């Protein structure tokens, strides 16, 4: 497989990470270097890691994973998106402990949800008997870059559009929308 094809695959895989980063950027009051590093590092790491894991699993597990990967991604995105919407509905005192999507369990859930497709791509690469190291590296780097761009673009959009208090609702709806799109792409409806 040529370099351009691998790069285009990496961009296609990183679109979900970009969209989640965009939504996250609109929901955070400030996007710090720490937020950027955590989200971009994890999304890039999980994209590359899931590609490697898929390649390692090979053909044996392909049938099992293909049948449930879209449902798993949907459930994870629905959970996180629903939680963001729920948090946005709380009054100001309850919001003091609002969820930072770039930390803890939420970060891991988002990282897994946005990298499920990379697992399937890794499986495909194993079927093609390809070397995996360069494609996994490119996939991880592209995801890291697009996550960084999405996070800061989201913050800019959130500031300029005055989404303000309702940005968490918008971000939650975007995550749920991504989950629905994944189900649609897999022919569920």
Protein backbone atom coordinates (compact mmCIF):
# COMPACT_ATOMS: atom_id res chain seq x y z
CA UNK A 1 0.00 0.00 0.00
CA UNK A 2 1.42 3.39 -0.96
CA UNK A 3 2.04 6.29 1.44
CA UNK A 4 -0.79 8.44 0.08
CA UNK A 5 -3.33 5.68 0.68
CA UNK A 6 -2.11 5.18 4.24
CA UNK A 7 -2.31 8.94 4.84
CA UNK A 8 -5.89 9.09 3.50
CA UNK A 9 -6.87 6.14 5.70
CA UNK A 10 -5.33 7.95 8.68
CA UNK A 11 -7.38 11.08 7.93
CA UNK A 12 -10.56 9.04 7.58
CA UNK A 13 -9.89 7.33 10.92
CA UNK A 14 -9.14 10.65 12.65
CA UNK A 15 -12.39 12.35 11.62
CA UNK A 16 -14.24 11.03 14.69
CA UNK A 17 -11.38 12.15 16.95
CA UNK A 18 -11.48 15.58 15.29
CA UNK A 19 -15.26 15.86 15.81
CA UNK A 20 -15.03 14.82 19.47
CA UNK A 21 -12.16 17.27 20.02
CA UNK A 22 -14.20 20.02 18.37
CA UNK A 23 -17.14 19.30 20.68
CA UNK A 24 -14.83 19.13 23.69
CA UNK A 25 -13.27 22.47 22.78
CA UNK A 26 -16.67 24.16 22.77
CA UNK A 27 -17.53 22.73 26.19
CA UNK A 28 -14.35 23.70 28.06
CA UNK A 29 -14.16 27.19 29.57
CA UNK A 30 -10.42 27.30 28.75
CA UNK A 31 -8.32 25.02 26.56
CA UNK A 32 -4.95 24.77 28.20
CA UNK A 33 -1.77 23.12 27.01
CA UNK A 34 -2.51 20.34 29.47
CA UNK A 35 -5.99 19.73 27.99
CA UNK A 36 -4.49 19.69 24.51
CA UNK A 37 -1.71 17.29 25.42
CA UNK A 38 -3.98 14.86 27.26
CA UNK A 39 -6.65 14.67 24.57
CA UNK A 40 -4.29 14.65 21.57
CA UNK A 41 -1.88 12.18 23.17
CA UNK A 42 -4.60 9.73 24.15
CA UNK A 43 -6.48 9.93 20.86
CA UNK A 44 -3.26 9.46 18.88
CA UNK A 45 -2.04 6.68 21.15
CA UNK A 46 -5.34 4.81 21.03
CA UNK A 47 -5.65 5.18 17.24
CA UNK A 48 -2.14 3.75 16.75
CA UNK A 49 -2.58 1.16 19.50
CA UNK A 50 -5.92 -0.11 18.23
CA UNK A 51 -4.46 -0.41 14.74
CA UNK A 52 -1.66 -2.54 16.18
CA UNK A 53 -4.10 -4.57 18.26
CA UNK A 54 -6.34 -5.21 15.26
CA UNK A 55 -3.37 -6.29 13.20
CA UNK A 56 -2.23 -8.63 15.98
CA UNK A 57 -5.67 -10.21 16.33
CA UNK A 58 -5.70 -10.95 12.63
CA UNK A 59 -8.38 -12.91 10.86
CA UNK A 60 -9.37 -15.07 13.85
CA UNK A 61 -11.35 -12.39 15.69
CA UNK A 62 -12.45 -10.33 12.70
CA UNK A 63 -15.94 -11.79 12.43
CA UNK A 64 -16.67 -11.30 16.15
CA UNK A 65 -15.39 -7.72 16.25
CA UNK A 66 -17.10 -6.59 13.03
CA UNK A 67 -20.46 -7.66 14.38
CA UNK A 68 -20.30 -5.53 17.52
CA UNK A 69 -17.74 -2.74 16.95
CA UNK A 70 -20.34 -0.19 15.89
CA UNK A 71 -22.60 -0.99 18.87
CA UNK A 72 -19.68 -0.64 21.27
CA UNK A 73 -18.67 2.72 19.81
CA UNK A 74 -22.30 3.90 19.87
CA UNK A 75 -22.80 2.85 23.50
CA UNK A 76 -19.63 4.59 24.64
CA UNK A 77 -20.46 7.82 22.77
CA UNK A 78 -24.06 7.74 23.99
CA UNK A 79 -22.86 7.34 27.58
CA UNK A 80 -20.38 10.22 27.42
CA UNK A 81 -22.69 12.47 25.38
CA UNK A 82 -25.63 11.78 27.67
CA UNK A 83 -23.48 12.51 30.69
CA UNK A 84 -22.37 15.85 29.19
CA UNK A 85 -26.00 16.82 28.52
CA UNK A 86 -26.98 15.77 32.04
CA UNK A 87 -24.15 17.87 33.50
CA UNK A 88 -25.23 20.89 31.45
CA UNK A 89 -28.74 20.70 32.92
CA UNK A 90 -27.50 21.01 36.51
CA UNK A 91 -27.65 24.30 38.34
CA UNK A 92 -24.48 26.32 38.92
CA UNK A 93 -23.63 24.82 42.33
CA UNK A 94 -23.84 21.30 40.99
CA UNK A 95 -21.74 22.30 37.95
CA UNK A 96 -18.78 23.15 40.16
CA UNK A 97 -17.68 19.53 39.78
CA UNK A 98 -18.35 19.39 36.03
CA UNK A 99 -16.71 16.69 33.97
CA UNK A 100 -13.53 17.53 32.10
CA UNK A 101 -13.59 15.26 29.02
CA UNK A 102 -9.78 15.38 28.92
CA UNK A 103 -9.40 13.54 32.23
CA UNK A 104 -10.00 10.18 33.82
CA UNK A 105 -12.56 7.63 32.78
CA UNK A 106 -14.25 9.97 30.30
CA UNK A 107 -10.97 10.43 28.44
CA UNK A 108 -10.42 6.67 28.22
CA UNK A 109 -14.00 6.06 27.06
CA UNK A 110 -13.70 8.72 24.35
CA UNK A 111 -10.30 7.35 23.30
CA UNK A 112 -11.71 3.85 22.87
CA UNK A 113 -14.89 5.04 21.16
CA UNK A 114 -13.01 7.11 18.58
CA UNK A 115 -10.52 4.35 17.79
CA UNK A 116 -12.76 1.32 17.27
CA UNK A 117 -12.53 1.79 13.49
CA UNK A 118 -8.73 1.69 13.76
CA UNK A 119 -9.06 -1.81 15.18
CA UNK A 120 -10.94 -2.88 12.06
CA UNK A 121 -8.34 -1.22 9.82
CA UNK A 122 -5.59 -3.09 11.66
CA UNK A 123 -7.48 -6.32 11.03
CA UNK A 124 -7.67 -5.43 7.34
CA UNK A 125 -3.95 -4.73 7.23
CA UNK A 126 -3.25 -8.17 8.69
CA UNK A 127 -5.36 -9.77 5.97
CA UNK A 128 -3.30 -7.91 3.37
CA UNK A 129 -0.14 -9.25 5.05
CA UNK A 130 1.19 -5.69 5.44
CA UNK A 131 3.86 -4.42 7.75
CA UNK A 132 2.00 -2.49 10.43
CA UNK A 133 4.57 -0.21 12.05
CA UNK A 134 4.59 2.68 9.55
CA UNK A 135 0.79 2.75 9.03
CA UNK A 136 0.19 2.68 12.81
CA UNK A 137 2.65 5.54 13.31
CA UNK A 138 1.04 7.64 10.57
CA UNK A 139 -2.45 6.91 11.93
CA UNK A 140 -1.39 7.95 15.45
CA UNK A 141 0.32 11.16 14.31
CA UNK A 142 -2.58 12.24 12.09
CA UNK A 143 -5.06 11.60 14.92
CA UNK A 144 -2.90 13.63 17.31
CA UNK A 145 -2.67 16.57 14.91
CA UNK A 146 -6.36 16.59 13.99
CA UNK A 147 -7.35 16.29 17.66
CA UNK A 148 -5.21 19.32 18.50
CA UNK A 149 -6.71 21.33 15.64
CA UNK A 150 -10.25 20.24 16.55
CA UNK A 151 -9.86 21.12 20.22
CA UNK A 152 -8.60 24.64 19.53
CA UNK A 153 -11.05 25.24 16.69
CA UNK A 154 -13.86 24.14 19.03
CA UNK A 155 -12.72 26.59 21.68
CA UNK A 156 -12.61 29.37 19.06
CA UNK A 157 -16.09 28.49 17.80
CA UNK A 158 -17.43 28.26 21.37
CA UNK A 159 -16.03 31.70 22.20
CA UNK A 160 -17.10 33.42 18.99
CA UNK A 161 -20.56 31.89 18.71
CA UNK A 162 -21.48 32.59 22.32
CA UNK A 163 -22.65 29.04 22.90
CA UNK A 164 -21.71 29.69 26.49
CA UNK A 165 -23.64 27.67 29.01
CA UNK A 166 -25.24 25.43 26.41
CA UNK A 167 -22.00 24.32 24.77
CA UNK A 168 -21.98 21.14 26.85
CA UNK A 169 -25.40 20.24 25.48
CA UNK A 170 -24.16 20.85 21.93
CA UNK A 171 -21.03 18.80 22.62
CA UNK A 172 -23.10 15.95 24.07
CA UNK A 173 -25.44 16.00 21.08
CA UNK A 174 -22.46 15.93 18.71
CA UNK A 175 -21.08 12.83 20.46
CA UNK A 176 -24.46 11.10 20.28
CA UNK A 177 -24.72 12.15 16.63
CA UNK A 178 -21.35 10.57 15.89
CA UNK A 179 -22.56 7.36 17.54
CA UNK A 180 -25.73 7.39 15.42
CA UNK A 181 -23.66 8.02 12.29
CA UNK A 182 -21.48 5.01 13.13
CA UNK A 183 -24.61 2.83 13.40
CA UNK A 184 -25.88 4.24 10.10
CA UNK A 185 -22.56 3.52 8.36
CA UNK A 186 -22.80 -0.08 9.55
CA UNK A 187 -26.28 -0.46 8.06
CA UNK A 188 -28.26 -0.57 11.33
CA UNK A 189 -30.75 1.94 9.89
